[in-house]
């Protein structure tokens, strides 16, 4: 049976059970849990420092009222980074290439921000629908456009994450196949292609982190 390049994005199953659940639970198993001791080992200390640093980077531009979301958003970012990085390993499945999973993350968080914004600061939240100084004739049109852009935001975020990771995986597979085919025919070109593959892999590592952020 001839395999397609897109077969790597199909959710694997074993005995009729989708293994995406195992892939989603894997990040929580990999990270060591803190111990009740006063002094932790080096791995847990490094992990705590890393989590603290990128949490600080996320919430640095926000006010103190937004820091209550630190646990949720830092956990989500760490979860997405781990899934994206594990997907770069050979013979693995990347759950974040599935649009359904990304939309399941994006829609509830987007809806929560909209509802909380409407409840706590309704004037400020509704003010985003109409920029200051808008001519009277453009007010209805701008309100419709801003409302559509507000509702399409979770779809844009989910599609962007899916498209970037899918395109990167396809490029890696295409260049790896080209290097493998060219090796017996043109070794020099195959070596240059392998160097390009290595550089593309480094770029995909950066993309995996940036998309999670």
Protein backbone atom coordinates (compact mmCIF):
# COMPACT_ATOMS: atom_id res chain seq x y z
CA UNK A 1 0.00 0.00 0.00
CA UNK A 2 1.39 3.40 -0.98
CA UNK A 3 1.47 5.88 1.86
CA UNK A 4 0.65 9.53 1.37
CA UNK A 5 2.58 12.43 2.86
CA UNK A 6 -0.58 13.36 4.76
CA UNK A 7 -0.87 9.97 6.49
CA UNK A 8 1.37 11.27 9.29
CA UNK A 9 -1.44 13.63 10.34
CA UNK A 10 -4.02 10.86 10.79
CA UNK A 11 -4.83 10.03 14.39
CA UNK A 12 -3.36 6.58 15.06
CA UNK A 13 -5.57 3.86 16.52
CA UNK A 14 -4.83 0.58 18.26
CA UNK A 15 -7.59 -2.02 18.56
CA UNK A 16 -10.06 0.69 17.57
CA UNK A 17 -8.89 3.00 20.40
CA UNK A 18 -7.58 6.42 19.30
CA UNK A 19 -4.08 6.95 20.66
CA UNK A 20 -4.45 10.73 20.68
CA UNK A 21 -5.54 10.43 24.33
CA UNK A 22 -2.18 8.83 25.15
CA UNK A 23 -0.36 11.57 23.25
CA UNK A 24 -2.23 14.25 25.19
CA UNK A 25 -1.44 12.66 28.55
CA UNK A 26 2.25 12.14 27.78
CA UNK A 27 3.44 15.71 28.59
CA UNK A 28 2.12 15.49 32.15
CA UNK A 29 4.03 12.24 32.68
CA UNK A 30 7.36 13.53 31.40
CA UNK A 31 7.81 16.44 33.80
CA UNK A 32 9.06 15.58 37.29
CA UNK A 33 6.87 16.61 40.19
CA UNK A 34 8.25 18.82 43.00
CA UNK A 35 9.20 17.02 46.20
CA UNK A 36 8.28 18.15 49.75
CA UNK A 37 11.97 18.48 50.59
CA UNK A 38 13.53 21.85 51.31
CA UNK A 39 16.19 21.37 48.63
CA UNK A 40 15.17 20.02 45.22
CA UNK A 41 17.48 18.32 42.77
CA UNK A 42 19.00 20.17 39.82
CA UNK A 43 16.40 19.04 37.28
CA UNK A 44 13.43 20.29 39.32
CA UNK A 45 15.29 23.53 40.12
CA UNK A 46 16.00 24.12 36.42
CA UNK A 47 12.39 23.29 35.53
CA UNK A 48 11.06 25.74 38.13
CA UNK A 49 13.42 28.47 36.92
CA UNK A 50 12.36 27.93 33.29
CA UNK A 51 8.64 28.00 34.09
CA UNK A 52 9.08 31.10 36.24
CA UNK A 53 11.00 32.92 33.49
CA UNK A 54 8.54 32.37 30.67
CA UNK A 55 5.59 33.06 32.98
CA UNK A 56 7.22 36.38 33.78
CA UNK A 57 7.66 37.09 30.06
CA UNK A 58 3.98 36.34 29.36
CA UNK A 59 2.55 38.52 32.13
CA UNK A 60 5.07 41.36 32.12
CA UNK A 61 2.91 43.65 29.92
CA UNK A 62 -0.28 42.88 31.91
CA UNK A 63 -1.64 44.54 35.00
CA UNK A 64 -1.79 42.81 38.37
CA UNK A 65 -5.44 41.88 37.78
CA UNK A 66 -4.42 39.67 34.86
CA UNK A 67 -1.88 37.71 36.91
CA UNK A 68 -4.67 35.48 38.25
CA UNK A 69 -4.54 33.69 34.87
CA UNK A 70 -0.86 32.77 35.33
CA UNK A 71 -1.43 29.14 36.28
CA UNK A 72 -3.87 28.42 33.45
CA UNK A 73 -1.95 30.14 30.65
CA UNK A 74 1.50 28.96 31.78
CA UNK A 75 0.22 25.38 31.97
CA UNK A 76 -1.35 25.68 28.52
CA UNK A 77 1.83 27.12 27.02
CA UNK A 78 3.99 24.40 28.58
CA UNK A 79 1.52 21.77 27.35
CA UNK A 80 1.56 23.10 23.77
CA UNK A 81 5.36 23.45 23.69
CA UNK A 82 5.76 19.85 24.83
CA UNK A 83 3.27 18.52 22.26
CA UNK A 84 4.89 20.52 19.45
CA UNK A 85 8.42 19.44 20.40
CA UNK A 86 7.48 15.77 20.80
CA UNK A 87 5.90 15.90 17.35
CA UNK A 88 9.30 16.65 15.81
CA UNK A 89 10.66 13.26 16.91
CA UNK A 90 10.61 10.45 14.31
CA UNK A 91 7.61 8.10 14.24
CA UNK A 92 5.52 10.31 16.51
CA UNK A 93 2.11 11.89 16.16
CA UNK A 94 1.53 15.62 16.71
CA UNK A 95 -1.95 16.24 18.19
CA UNK A 96 -1.69 20.00 17.55
CA UNK A 97 -1.84 19.39 13.79
CA UNK A 98 -5.53 18.52 14.32
CA UNK A 99 -7.78 21.55 13.86
CA UNK A 100 -10.43 20.04 16.14
CA UNK A 101 -8.00 19.91 19.08
CA UNK A 102 -6.77 23.47 18.52
CA UNK A 103 -10.33 24.77 18.28
CA UNK A 104 -11.18 22.92 21.50
CA UNK A 105 -8.42 24.94 23.19
CA UNK A 106 -9.10 28.26 21.45
CA UNK A 107 -12.90 28.59 21.67
CA UNK A 108 -13.39 28.14 25.46
CA UNK A 109 -10.50 30.47 26.33
CA UNK A 110 -11.67 33.10 23.83
CA UNK A 111 -15.24 32.83 25.11
CA UNK A 112 -14.04 33.16 28.70
CA UNK A 113 -12.11 36.36 27.92
CA UNK A 114 -15.11 37.86 26.10
CA UNK A 115 -17.60 36.99 28.87
CA UNK A 116 -15.32 38.18 31.68
CA UNK A 117 -14.54 41.39 29.78
CA UNK A 118 -18.25 42.07 29.23
CA UNK A 119 -19.00 41.39 32.89
CA UNK A 120 -16.17 43.35 34.51
CA UNK A 121 -15.66 46.23 32.04
CA UNK A 122 -18.59 46.33 29.61
CA UNK A 123 -17.90 49.89 28.42
CA UNK A 124 -14.24 49.16 27.68
CA UNK A 125 -15.07 45.85 25.99
CA UNK A 126 -17.76 47.35 23.77
CA UNK A 127 -15.50 50.32 23.01
CA UNK A 128 -13.24 48.05 20.97
CA UNK A 129 -16.04 47.62 18.44
CA UNK A 130 -15.93 51.31 17.51
CA UNK A 131 -12.62 53.21 17.28
CA UNK A 132 -12.58 56.79 18.57
CA UNK A 133 -13.14 59.50 16.00
CA UNK A 134 -15.00 57.32 13.49
CA UNK A 135 -17.17 59.26 10.97
CA UNK A 136 -20.90 58.81 11.49
CA UNK A 137 -21.44 57.15 8.09
CA UNK A 138 -18.87 54.43 8.85
CA UNK A 139 -20.15 53.54 12.34
CA UNK A 140 -22.54 50.71 11.28
CA UNK A 141 -19.99 49.22 8.88
CA UNK A 142 -17.15 49.32 11.42
CA UNK A 143 -19.28 47.75 14.15
CA UNK A 144 -20.13 44.84 11.82
CA UNK A 145 -16.48 44.42 10.75
CA UNK A 146 -15.15 44.51 14.32
CA UNK A 147 -17.82 42.06 15.49
CA UNK A 148 -16.92 39.62 12.70
CA UNK A 149 -13.20 39.95 13.51
CA UNK A 150 -13.96 39.28 17.19
CA UNK A 151 -15.88 36.10 16.43
CA UNK A 152 -13.35 34.86 13.86
CA UNK A 153 -10.38 35.24 16.24
CA UNK A 154 -10.45 31.70 17.72
CA UNK A 155 -10.76 30.21 14.24
CA UNK A 156 -7.77 32.26 13.07
CA UNK A 157 -5.68 31.15 16.06
CA UNK A 158 -6.56 27.48 15.61
CA UNK A 159 -5.98 27.50 11.85
CA UNK A 160 -2.66 29.34 12.26
CA UNK A 161 -1.31 26.77 14.71
CA UNK A 162 -2.53 23.87 12.56
CA UNK A 163 -1.24 25.32 9.27
CA UNK A 164 2.23 26.26 10.56
CA UNK A 165 2.89 22.87 12.14
CA UNK A 166 1.43 20.95 9.18
CA UNK A 167 3.49 22.91 6.64
CA UNK A 168 6.68 22.41 8.66
CA UNK A 169 6.15 18.65 8.99
CA UNK A 170 5.42 18.33 5.26
CA UNK A 171 8.58 20.27 4.35
CA UNK A 172 10.70 18.11 6.63
CA UNK A 173 9.26 14.92 5.12
CA UNK A 174 9.69 16.16 1.54
CA UNK A 175 13.32 17.23 2.04
CA UNK A 176 14.17 14.04 3.95
CA UNK A 177 12.68 11.94 1.12
CA UNK A 178 14.66 13.95 -1.45
CA UNK A 179 17.92 13.47 0.50
CA UNK A 180 17.27 9.72 0.79
CA UNK A 181 16.53 9.35 -2.94
CA UNK A 182 19.50 11.50 -4.06
CA UNK A 183 22.06 9.74 -1.84
CA UNK A 184 22.98 6.90 -4.28
CA UNK A 185 22.62 9.13 -7.36
CA UNK A 186 24.24 12.45 -6.36
CA UNK A 187 25.94 12.22 -2.95
CA UNK A 188 27.08 15.86 -2.93
CA UNK A 189 23.56 17.16 -3.57
CA UNK A 190 22.22 14.72 -0.98
CA UNK A 191 24.65 16.06 1.66
CA UNK A 192 23.63 19.64 0.87
CA UNK A 193 19.99 18.58 1.13
CA UNK A 194 20.70 16.97 4.52
CA UNK A 195 22.29 20.22 5.72
CA UNK A 196 19.16 22.07 4.57
CA UNK A 197 17.08 19.49 6.43
CA UNK A 198 19.06 20.12 9.62
CA UNK A 199 18.57 23.90 9.32
CA UNK A 200 14.85 23.40 8.65
CA UNK A 201 14.59 21.21 11.74
CA UNK A 202 16.12 23.99 13.85
CA UNK A 203 13.60 26.39 12.32
CA UNK A 204 10.75 24.02 13.19
CA UNK A 205 11.93 23.87 16.79
CA UNK A 206 11.69 27.67 16.89
CA UNK A 207 8.26 27.56 15.19
CA UNK A 208 7.03 25.01 17.75
CA UNK A 209 7.97 27.35 20.60
CA UNK A 210 6.67 30.51 18.92
CA UNK A 211 3.31 28.96 18.04
CA UNK A 212 2.81 27.79 21.61
CA UNK A 213 3.62 31.31 22.83
